[in-house]
Amino acid sequence: MYFFYAFLVVIILCIFFAIKKQRPILLSVPVFALAFYVIVEIALVPGSFIDTVKFIFTLQ
């Protein structure tokens, strides 16, 4: 649950600073943060990284 609140804070801060500083590139920060989180969680699974990714994409 803490990660949800952390991502929520990141999103709110990025929207605030994107509007305040007129830099829309800041809106890509939450996307990269979420992608980084997914990669870290996949890496924490015991087993090889490639096998884990294959298993995730073969789930139906």
N, C-alpha and C. Protein backbone atom coordinates (compact mmCIF):
# COMPACT_ATOMS: atom_id res chain seq x y z
N MET A 1 0.82 -1.19 0.00
CA MET A 1 0.00 0.00 0.00
C MET A 1 0.86 1.25 0.00
N TYR A 2 2.06 1.15 0.60
CA TYR A 2 2.94 2.31 0.65
C TYR A 2 3.42 2.70 -0.74
N PHE A 3 3.62 1.69 -1.62
CA PHE A 3 4.06 2.00 -2.97
C PHE A 3 2.99 2.77 -3.74
N PHE A 4 1.73 2.44 -3.47
CA PHE A 4 0.64 3.18 -4.11
C PHE A 4 0.68 4.65 -3.73
N TYR A 5 0.85 4.92 -2.45
CA TYR A 5 0.92 6.31 -1.99
C TYR A 5 2.17 7.01 -2.51
N ALA A 6 3.28 6.28 -2.60
CA ALA A 6 4.51 6.86 -3.13
C ALA A 6 4.33 7.23 -4.60
N PHE A 7 3.72 6.35 -5.38
CA PHE A 7 3.47 6.67 -6.79
C PHE A 7 2.48 7.81 -6.93
N LEU A 8 1.50 7.86 -6.05
CA LEU A 8 0.54 8.96 -6.07
C LEU A 8 1.22 10.29 -5.80
N VAL A 9 2.13 10.32 -4.85
CA VAL A 9 2.88 11.55 -4.55
C VAL A 9 3.76 11.94 -5.73
N VAL A 10 4.42 10.96 -6.34
CA VAL A 10 5.27 11.24 -7.51
C VAL A 10 4.43 11.83 -8.64
N ILE A 11 3.26 11.26 -8.88
CA ILE A 11 2.40 11.74 -9.96
C ILE A 11 1.93 13.17 -9.68
N ILE A 12 1.50 13.43 -8.46
CA ILE A 12 1.02 14.77 -8.11
C ILE A 12 2.14 15.80 -8.22
N LEU A 13 3.33 15.44 -7.72
CA LEU A 13 4.46 16.37 -7.82
C LEU A 13 4.86 16.63 -9.27
N CYS A 14 4.84 15.59 -10.08
CA CYS A 14 5.21 15.76 -11.49
C CYS A 14 4.20 16.63 -12.22
N ILE A 15 2.93 16.44 -11.95
CA ILE A 15 1.91 17.29 -12.58
C ILE A 15 2.06 18.73 -12.12
N PHE A 16 2.29 18.92 -10.83
CA PHE A 16 2.45 20.28 -10.29
C PHE A 16 3.64 20.99 -10.93
N PHE A 17 4.80 20.31 -10.96
CA PHE A 17 6.00 20.94 -11.52
C PHE A 17 5.92 21.08 -13.04
N ALA A 18 5.22 20.17 -13.71
CA ALA A 18 5.06 20.30 -15.16
C ALA A 18 4.24 21.54 -15.49
N ILE A 19 3.22 21.80 -14.69
CA ILE A 19 2.40 22.99 -14.93
C ILE A 19 3.15 24.25 -14.51
N LYS A 20 3.81 24.19 -13.35
CA LYS A 20 4.49 25.38 -12.83
C LYS A 20 5.69 25.79 -13.69
N LYS A 21 6.49 24.82 -14.10
CA LYS A 21 7.71 25.13 -14.86
C LYS A 21 7.51 25.06 -16.37
N GLN A 22 6.29 24.72 -16.83
CA GLN A 22 5.98 24.62 -18.26
C GLN A 22 6.90 23.61 -18.97
N ARG A 23 7.13 22.48 -18.33
CA ARG A 23 7.96 21.42 -18.90
C ARG A 23 7.16 20.11 -18.95
N PRO A 24 6.54 19.83 -20.08
CA PRO A 24 5.72 18.62 -20.17
C PRO A 24 6.53 17.32 -20.10
N ILE A 25 7.85 17.40 -20.27
CA ILE A 25 8.67 16.19 -20.19
C ILE A 25 8.63 15.61 -18.78
N LEU A 26 8.31 16.41 -17.78
CA LEU A 26 8.21 15.91 -16.41
C LEU A 26 7.07 14.91 -16.23
N LEU A 27 6.13 14.91 -17.15
CA LEU A 27 5.02 13.96 -17.06
C LEU A 27 5.45 12.53 -17.41
N SER A 28 6.64 12.37 -17.96
CA SER A 28 7.14 11.02 -18.26
C SER A 28 7.80 10.37 -17.04
N VAL A 29 8.08 11.14 -16.01
CA VAL A 29 8.74 10.59 -14.82
C VAL A 29 7.91 9.47 -14.16
N PRO A 30 6.60 9.64 -13.94
CA PRO A 30 5.85 8.52 -13.34
C PRO A 30 5.86 7.25 -14.19
N VAL A 31 5.88 7.39 -15.49
CA VAL A 31 5.91 6.22 -16.37
C VAL A 31 7.22 5.46 -16.18
N PHE A 32 8.33 6.20 -16.14
CA PHE A 32 9.62 5.55 -15.93
C PHE A 32 9.74 4.98 -14.52
N ALA A 33 9.17 5.63 -13.54
CA ALA A 33 9.20 5.12 -12.17
C ALA A 33 8.43 3.80 -12.07
N LEU A 34 7.28 3.72 -12.72
CA LEU A 34 6.50 2.49 -12.71
C LEU A 34 7.23 1.37 -13.45
N ALA A 35 7.85 1.69 -14.57
CA ALA A 35 8.61 0.68 -15.32
C ALA A 35 9.79 0.18 -14.49
N PHE A 36 10.46 1.08 -13.80
CA PHE A 36 11.57 0.70 -12.93
C PHE A 36 11.09 -0.21 -11.81
N TYR A 37 9.95 0.10 -11.22
CA TYR A 37 9.38 -0.73 -10.16
C TYR A 37 9.07 -2.13 -10.66
N VAL A 38 8.50 -2.24 -11.84
CA VAL A 38 8.16 -3.55 -12.41
C VAL A 38 9.43 -4.36 -12.65
N ILE A 39 10.46 -3.74 -13.16
CA ILE A 39 11.72 -4.45 -13.42
C ILE A 39 12.34 -4.93 -12.12
N VAL A 40 12.30 -4.10 -11.09
CA VAL A 40 12.86 -4.50 -9.79
C VAL A 40 12.07 -5.66 -9.20
N GLU A 41 10.75 -5.62 -9.30
CA GLU A 41 9.94 -6.71 -8.76
C GLU A 41 10.18 -8.01 -9.53
N ILE A 42 10.36 -7.94 -10.82
CA ILE A 42 10.67 -9.14 -11.60
C ILE A 42 12.04 -9.68 -11.22
N ALA A 43 12.99 -8.79 -10.97
CA ALA A 43 14.34 -9.22 -10.61
C ALA A 43 14.36 -9.88 -9.23
N LEU A 44 13.42 -9.57 -8.36
CA LEU A 44 13.38 -10.16 -7.03
C LEU A 44 12.84 -11.59 -7.01
N VAL A 45 12.24 -12.03 -8.11
CA VAL A 45 11.71 -13.40 -8.18
C VAL A 45 12.89 -14.37 -8.28
N PRO A 46 12.88 -15.41 -7.43
CA PRO A 46 13.98 -16.38 -7.53
C PRO A 46 13.89 -17.14 -8.85
N GLY A 47 14.90 -17.09 -9.60
CA GLY A 47 14.93 -17.71 -10.93
C GLY A 47 15.56 -16.73 -11.89
N SER A 48 15.78 -17.18 -13.09
CA SER A 48 16.43 -16.29 -14.06
C SER A 48 15.43 -15.23 -14.55
N PHE A 49 15.96 -14.11 -14.90
CA PHE A 49 15.14 -12.97 -15.31
C PHE A 49 14.35 -13.30 -16.57
N ILE A 50 15.01 -13.92 -17.56
CA ILE A 50 14.36 -14.23 -18.83
C ILE A 50 13.24 -15.24 -18.64
N ASP A 51 13.48 -16.27 -17.82
CA ASP A 51 12.43 -17.27 -17.57
C ASP A 51 11.23 -16.65 -16.87
N THR A 52 11.49 -15.73 -15.95
CA THR A 52 10.40 -15.06 -15.26
C THR A 52 9.57 -14.21 -16.21
N VAL A 53 10.22 -13.48 -17.10
CA VAL A 53 9.51 -12.66 -18.08
C VAL A 53 8.70 -13.55 -19.02
N LYS A 54 9.28 -14.65 -19.46
CA LYS A 54 8.56 -15.58 -20.34
C LYS A 54 7.32 -16.12 -19.62
N PHE A 55 7.47 -16.48 -18.34
CA PHE A 55 6.36 -17.01 -17.58
C PHE A 55 5.25 -15.97 -17.45
N ILE A 56 5.60 -14.73 -17.19
CA ILE A 56 4.60 -13.66 -17.04
C ILE A 56 3.81 -13.48 -18.34
N PHE A 57 4.49 -13.51 -19.47
CA PHE A 57 3.80 -13.27 -20.73
C PHE A 57 3.04 -14.50 -21.25
N THR A 58 3.31 -15.68 -20.67
CA THR A 58 2.55 -16.85 -21.10
C THR A 58 1.34 -17.10 -20.22
N LEU A 59 1.14 -16.32 -19.18
CA LEU A 59 -0.04 -16.48 -18.34
C LEU A 59 -1.28 -16.08 -19.13
N GLN A 60 -2.35 -16.83 -18.93
CA GLN A 60 -3.58 -16.52 -19.64
C GLN A 60 -4.71 -16.30 -18.68
